N, C-alpha and C. Protein backbone atom coordinates (compact mmCIF):
# COMPACT_ATOMS: atom_id res chain seq x y z
N UNK A 1 0.85 -1.16 0.00
CA UNK A 1 0.00 0.00 0.00
C UNK A 1 0.90 1.23 0.00
N UNK A 2 0.68 2.12 -0.93
CA UNK A 2 1.49 3.32 -1.03
C UNK A 2 0.91 4.49 -0.28
N UNK A 3 -0.42 4.64 -0.35
CA UNK A 3 -1.07 5.78 0.29
C UNK A 3 -2.54 5.47 0.47
N UNK A 4 -3.16 6.18 1.39
CA UNK A 4 -4.60 6.06 1.57
C UNK A 4 -5.14 7.38 2.12
N UNK A 5 -6.41 7.60 1.89
CA UNK A 5 -7.09 8.79 2.38
C UNK A 5 -8.46 8.36 2.89
N UNK A 6 -8.83 8.82 4.05
CA UNK A 6 -10.16 8.55 4.58
C UNK A 6 -11.12 9.60 4.06
N UNK A 7 -12.31 9.18 3.71
CA UNK A 7 -13.32 10.13 3.29
C UNK A 7 -14.36 9.48 2.40
N UNK A 8 -15.37 10.26 2.10
CA UNK A 8 -16.43 9.79 1.21
C UNK A 8 -15.94 9.84 -0.23
N UNK A 9 -16.66 9.21 -1.13
CA UNK A 9 -16.26 9.21 -2.55
C UNK A 9 -16.60 10.56 -3.16
N UNK A 10 -15.74 11.51 -2.93
CA UNK A 10 -15.89 12.86 -3.47
C UNK A 10 -14.62 13.23 -4.22
N UNK A 11 -14.75 14.15 -5.13
CA UNK A 11 -13.60 14.56 -5.95
C UNK A 11 -12.44 15.04 -5.09
N UNK A 12 -12.73 15.79 -4.02
CA UNK A 12 -11.66 16.34 -3.19
C UNK A 12 -10.83 15.23 -2.55
N UNK A 13 -11.49 14.16 -2.14
CA UNK A 13 -10.79 13.03 -1.52
C UNK A 13 -9.88 12.35 -2.55
N UNK A 14 -10.39 12.15 -3.77
CA UNK A 14 -9.55 11.54 -4.79
C UNK A 14 -8.36 12.43 -5.14
N UNK A 15 -8.59 13.74 -5.23
CA UNK A 15 -7.49 14.65 -5.56
C UNK A 15 -6.41 14.61 -4.47
N UNK A 16 -6.83 14.45 -3.22
CA UNK A 16 -5.86 14.33 -2.12
C UNK A 16 -5.04 13.05 -2.27
N UNK A 17 -5.72 11.94 -2.61
CA UNK A 17 -5.01 10.68 -2.82
C UNK A 17 -4.05 10.79 -4.01
N UNK A 18 -4.51 11.40 -5.08
CA UNK A 18 -3.67 11.56 -6.28
C UNK A 18 -2.41 12.36 -5.93
N UNK A 19 -2.55 13.36 -5.09
CA UNK A 19 -1.40 14.16 -4.66
C UNK A 19 -0.42 13.31 -3.86
N UNK A 20 -0.93 12.44 -2.99
CA UNK A 20 -0.06 11.56 -2.20
C UNK A 20 0.68 10.55 -3.09
N UNK A 21 0.05 10.14 -4.18
CA UNK A 21 0.65 9.15 -5.08
C UNK A 21 1.63 9.75 -6.08
N UNK A 22 1.57 11.05 -6.28
CA UNK A 22 2.39 11.71 -7.31
C UNK A 22 3.89 11.40 -7.20
N UNK A 23 4.49 11.42 -5.99
CA UNK A 23 5.94 11.15 -5.90
C UNK A 23 6.35 9.76 -6.39
N UNK A 24 5.41 8.83 -6.50
CA UNK A 24 5.74 7.47 -6.91
C UNK A 24 5.80 7.30 -8.42
N UNK A 25 5.43 8.32 -9.17
CA UNK A 25 5.52 8.26 -10.63
C UNK A 25 4.60 7.23 -11.27
N UNK A 26 3.44 7.04 -10.70
CA UNK A 26 2.49 6.06 -11.23
C UNK A 26 1.96 6.55 -12.57
N UNK A 27 1.98 5.66 -13.58
CA UNK A 27 1.51 6.09 -14.91
C UNK A 27 0.27 5.33 -15.38
N UNK A 28 -0.25 4.40 -14.57
CA UNK A 28 -1.49 3.69 -14.89
C UNK A 28 -2.34 3.60 -13.63
N UNK A 29 -3.62 3.90 -13.77
CA UNK A 29 -4.58 3.77 -12.69
C UNK A 29 -5.65 2.79 -13.13
N UNK A 30 -5.78 1.69 -12.41
CA UNK A 30 -6.80 0.68 -12.68
C UNK A 30 -7.94 0.91 -11.70
N UNK A 31 -9.10 1.33 -12.21
CA UNK A 31 -10.17 1.78 -11.33
C UNK A 31 -11.53 1.22 -11.76
N UNK A 32 -12.52 1.54 -10.93
CA UNK A 32 -13.90 1.27 -11.33
C UNK A 32 -14.36 2.47 -12.18
N UNK A 33 -15.63 2.56 -12.43
CA UNK A 33 -16.15 3.57 -13.35
C UNK A 33 -16.64 4.84 -12.64
N UNK A 34 -16.06 5.17 -11.52
CA UNK A 34 -16.46 6.36 -10.77
C UNK A 34 -16.05 7.61 -11.54
N UNK A 35 -16.93 8.58 -11.65
CA UNK A 35 -16.72 9.76 -12.47
C UNK A 35 -15.51 10.60 -12.12
N UNK A 36 -15.13 10.65 -10.84
CA UNK A 36 -13.98 11.47 -10.44
C UNK A 36 -12.70 11.05 -11.14
N UNK A 37 -12.57 9.76 -11.41
CA UNK A 37 -11.37 9.29 -12.11
C UNK A 37 -11.29 9.89 -13.51
N UNK A 38 -12.41 9.89 -14.21
CA UNK A 38 -12.42 10.47 -15.56
C UNK A 38 -12.18 11.97 -15.53
N UNK A 39 -12.67 12.62 -14.49
CA UNK A 39 -12.50 14.08 -14.38
C UNK A 39 -11.08 14.48 -14.02
N UNK A 40 -10.34 13.61 -13.31
CA UNK A 40 -9.04 14.03 -12.78
C UNK A 40 -7.85 13.20 -13.24
N UNK A 41 -8.07 12.25 -14.15
CA UNK A 41 -6.97 11.47 -14.71
C UNK A 41 -6.94 11.62 -16.22
N UNK A 42 -5.73 11.65 -16.76
CA UNK A 42 -5.60 11.65 -18.22
C UNK A 42 -6.15 10.34 -18.76
N UNK A 43 -6.76 10.41 -19.93
CA UNK A 43 -7.38 9.23 -20.53
C UNK A 43 -6.39 8.09 -20.74
N UNK A 44 -5.15 8.42 -21.10
CA UNK A 44 -4.14 7.37 -21.36
C UNK A 44 -3.58 6.75 -20.08
N UNK A 45 -3.89 7.34 -18.92
CA UNK A 45 -3.43 6.80 -17.64
C UNK A 45 -4.51 5.98 -16.94
N UNK A 46 -5.72 5.99 -17.44
CA UNK A 46 -6.87 5.44 -16.73
C UNK A 46 -7.43 4.22 -17.45
N UNK A 47 -7.46 3.09 -16.74
CA UNK A 47 -8.02 1.85 -17.29
C UNK A 47 -9.13 1.39 -16.35
N UNK A 48 -10.35 1.27 -16.89
CA UNK A 48 -11.51 0.88 -16.10
C UNK A 48 -11.68 -0.63 -16.19
N UNK A 49 -11.87 -1.27 -15.05
CA UNK A 49 -12.10 -2.71 -15.04
C UNK A 49 -11.68 -3.35 -13.74
N UNK A 50 -12.06 -4.59 -13.56
CA UNK A 50 -11.76 -5.30 -12.32
C UNK A 50 -10.54 -6.21 -12.42
N UNK A 51 -10.08 -6.46 -13.62
CA UNK A 51 -9.00 -7.43 -13.82
C UNK A 51 -7.77 -7.12 -12.97
N UNK A 52 -7.40 -5.87 -12.83
CA UNK A 52 -6.19 -5.52 -12.10
C UNK A 52 -6.46 -5.01 -10.69
N UNK A 53 -7.71 -4.98 -10.27
CA UNK A 53 -8.01 -4.48 -8.93
C UNK A 53 -8.27 -5.61 -7.94
N UNK A 54 -8.33 -6.85 -8.40
CA UNK A 54 -8.66 -7.97 -7.52
C UNK A 54 -7.66 -8.12 -6.38
N UNK A 55 -6.37 -8.01 -6.65
CA UNK A 55 -5.35 -8.12 -5.60
C UNK A 55 -5.51 -7.02 -4.56
N UNK A 56 -5.80 -5.82 -5.03
CA UNK A 56 -5.96 -4.68 -4.12
C UNK A 56 -7.18 -4.89 -3.23
N UNK A 57 -8.29 -5.31 -3.84
CA UNK A 57 -9.51 -5.54 -3.06
C UNK A 57 -9.30 -6.67 -2.06
N UNK A 58 -8.54 -7.69 -2.43
CA UNK A 58 -8.25 -8.78 -1.50
C UNK A 58 -7.46 -8.27 -0.31
N UNK A 59 -6.47 -7.42 -0.57
CA UNK A 59 -5.68 -6.86 0.52
C UNK A 59 -6.55 -5.99 1.43
N UNK A 60 -7.45 -5.21 0.84
CA UNK A 60 -8.36 -4.39 1.65
C UNK A 60 -9.25 -5.27 2.52
N UNK A 61 -9.74 -6.38 1.95
CA UNK A 61 -10.56 -7.31 2.72
C UNK A 61 -9.76 -7.90 3.88
N UNK A 62 -8.51 -8.27 3.62
CA UNK A 62 -7.65 -8.77 4.69
C UNK A 62 -7.49 -7.73 5.78
N UNK A 63 -7.25 -6.48 5.41
CA UNK A 63 -7.10 -5.42 6.40
C UNK A 63 -8.36 -5.28 7.25
N UNK A 64 -9.54 -5.30 6.60
CA UNK A 64 -10.79 -5.19 7.36
C UNK A 64 -10.98 -6.38 8.28
N UNK A 65 -10.51 -7.55 7.87
CA UNK A 65 -10.63 -8.74 8.70
C UNK A 65 -9.65 -8.68 9.86
N UNK A 66 -8.42 -8.30 9.59
CA UNK A 66 -7.40 -8.26 10.62
C UNK A 66 -7.59 -7.10 11.59
N UNK A 67 -8.07 -5.98 11.09
CA UNK A 67 -8.25 -4.79 11.94
C UNK A 67 -9.75 -4.53 12.07
N UNK A 68 -10.31 -5.05 13.12
CA UNK A 68 -11.76 -4.93 13.29
C UNK A 68 -12.22 -3.48 13.41
N UNK A 69 -11.35 -2.60 13.80
CA UNK A 69 -11.77 -1.20 13.93
C UNK A 69 -12.06 -0.54 12.57
N UNK A 70 -11.71 -1.22 11.46
CA UNK A 70 -12.05 -0.69 10.14
C UNK A 70 -13.45 -1.08 9.71
N UNK A 71 -14.06 -2.02 10.42
CA UNK A 71 -15.42 -2.46 10.10
C UNK A 71 -16.40 -1.69 10.98
N UNK A 72 -17.23 -0.89 10.39
CA UNK A 72 -18.11 0.01 11.11
C UNK A 72 -19.10 -0.70 12.03
N UNK A 73 -19.44 -1.94 11.75
CA UNK A 73 -20.46 -2.64 12.54
C UNK A 73 -19.87 -3.43 13.70
N UNK A 74 -18.68 -3.06 14.17
CA UNK A 74 -18.11 -3.73 15.33
C UNK A 74 -18.03 -2.75 16.48
N UNK A 75 -17.90 -3.27 17.70
CA UNK A 75 -17.76 -2.37 18.85
C UNK A 75 -16.34 -1.81 18.94
N UNK A 76 -15.44 -2.31 18.11
CA UNK A 76 -14.05 -1.86 18.11
C UNK A 76 -13.82 -0.63 17.22
N UNK A 77 -14.85 -0.19 16.48
CA UNK A 77 -14.67 0.87 15.50
C UNK A 77 -14.15 2.15 16.15
N UNK A 78 -13.09 2.73 15.60
CA UNK A 78 -12.53 3.99 16.10
C UNK A 78 -13.11 5.15 15.31
N UNK A 79 -13.45 6.18 16.03
CA UNK A 79 -13.95 7.39 15.38
C UNK A 79 -12.81 8.34 15.03
N UNK A 80 -11.68 8.17 15.69
CA UNK A 80 -10.55 9.07 15.46
C UNK A 80 -9.71 8.61 14.27
N UNK A 81 -9.52 9.50 13.33
CA UNK A 81 -8.69 9.19 12.16
C UNK A 81 -7.27 8.85 12.58
N UNK A 82 -6.77 9.52 13.62
CA UNK A 82 -5.40 9.27 14.09
C UNK A 82 -5.23 7.80 14.51
N UNK A 83 -6.25 7.23 15.17
CA UNK A 83 -6.16 5.83 15.58
C UNK A 83 -6.13 4.90 14.37
N UNK A 84 -6.93 5.23 13.35
CA UNK A 84 -6.90 4.44 12.12
C UNK A 84 -5.50 4.49 11.50
N UNK A 85 -4.93 5.69 11.44
CA UNK A 85 -3.58 5.84 10.87
C UNK A 85 -2.55 5.00 11.62
N UNK A 86 -2.61 5.04 12.94
CA UNK A 86 -1.64 4.30 13.75
C UNK A 86 -1.78 2.80 13.52
N UNK A 87 -3.00 2.29 13.62
CA UNK A 87 -3.21 0.84 13.51
C UNK A 87 -2.90 0.34 12.09
N UNK A 88 -3.33 1.08 11.08
CA UNK A 88 -3.03 0.69 9.70
C UNK A 88 -1.52 0.73 9.45
N UNK A 89 -0.86 1.76 9.97
CA UNK A 89 0.59 1.86 9.82
C UNK A 89 1.32 0.68 10.45
N UNK A 90 0.87 0.27 11.65
CA UNK A 90 1.48 -0.88 12.31
C UNK A 90 1.29 -2.15 11.49
N UNK A 91 0.07 -2.34 10.97
CA UNK A 91 -0.20 -3.54 10.16
C UNK A 91 0.62 -3.54 8.87
N UNK A 92 0.70 -2.40 8.21
CA UNK A 92 1.48 -2.32 6.97
C UNK A 92 2.95 -2.65 7.25
N UNK A 93 3.49 -2.10 8.34
CA UNK A 93 4.88 -2.41 8.68
C UNK A 93 5.08 -3.90 8.90
N UNK A 94 4.10 -4.55 9.54
CA UNK A 94 4.22 -5.98 9.80
C UNK A 94 4.04 -6.81 8.54
N UNK A 95 2.96 -6.56 7.79
CA UNK A 95 2.61 -7.40 6.63
C UNK A 95 3.53 -7.15 5.44
N UNK A 96 3.75 -5.90 5.11
CA UNK A 96 4.50 -5.57 3.90
C UNK A 96 6.02 -5.58 4.09
N UNK A 97 6.48 -5.22 5.29
CA UNK A 97 7.93 -5.07 5.51
C UNK A 97 8.50 -6.02 6.57
N UNK A 98 7.63 -6.81 7.22
CA UNK A 98 8.10 -7.75 8.22
C UNK A 98 8.65 -7.10 9.47
N UNK A 99 8.24 -5.87 9.76
CA UNK A 99 8.75 -5.13 10.92
C UNK A 99 7.68 -5.11 12.00
N UNK A 100 7.99 -5.71 13.15
CA UNK A 100 7.09 -5.66 14.29
C UNK A 100 7.48 -4.48 15.17
N UNK A 101 6.54 -3.63 15.47
CA UNK A 101 6.81 -2.48 16.33
C UNK A 101 6.12 -2.75 17.66
N UNK A 102 6.89 -2.78 18.72
CA UNK A 102 6.36 -3.10 20.04
C UNK A 102 6.37 -1.86 20.92
N UNK A 103 5.33 -1.70 21.70
CA UNK A 103 5.28 -0.61 22.67
C UNK A 103 6.21 -0.95 23.84
N UNK A 104 6.81 0.07 24.38
CA UNK A 104 7.73 -0.14 25.51
C UNK A 104 6.98 0.10 26.80
């Protein structure tokens, strides 16, 4: 996972995510058919379809399963964005980089 942004499916949220992704030099976006993508991505950078999003959606499902606070219908749900950032960051460090961060 390179970047994420919390928010509703609004153009401003996508533009914030696009800004976070800019340093990575991404030249292809595989997305669904949401209008904001067409409004804010060049046509040659945007590919609509599910073929290349399956791995990403699987990883998101794993995150929701592993981190119950991401599932709104649990008693563990956090309302603070800062808590989401901390927990997601810890999981990414463990899953993607093999780094366990322990509290002292």
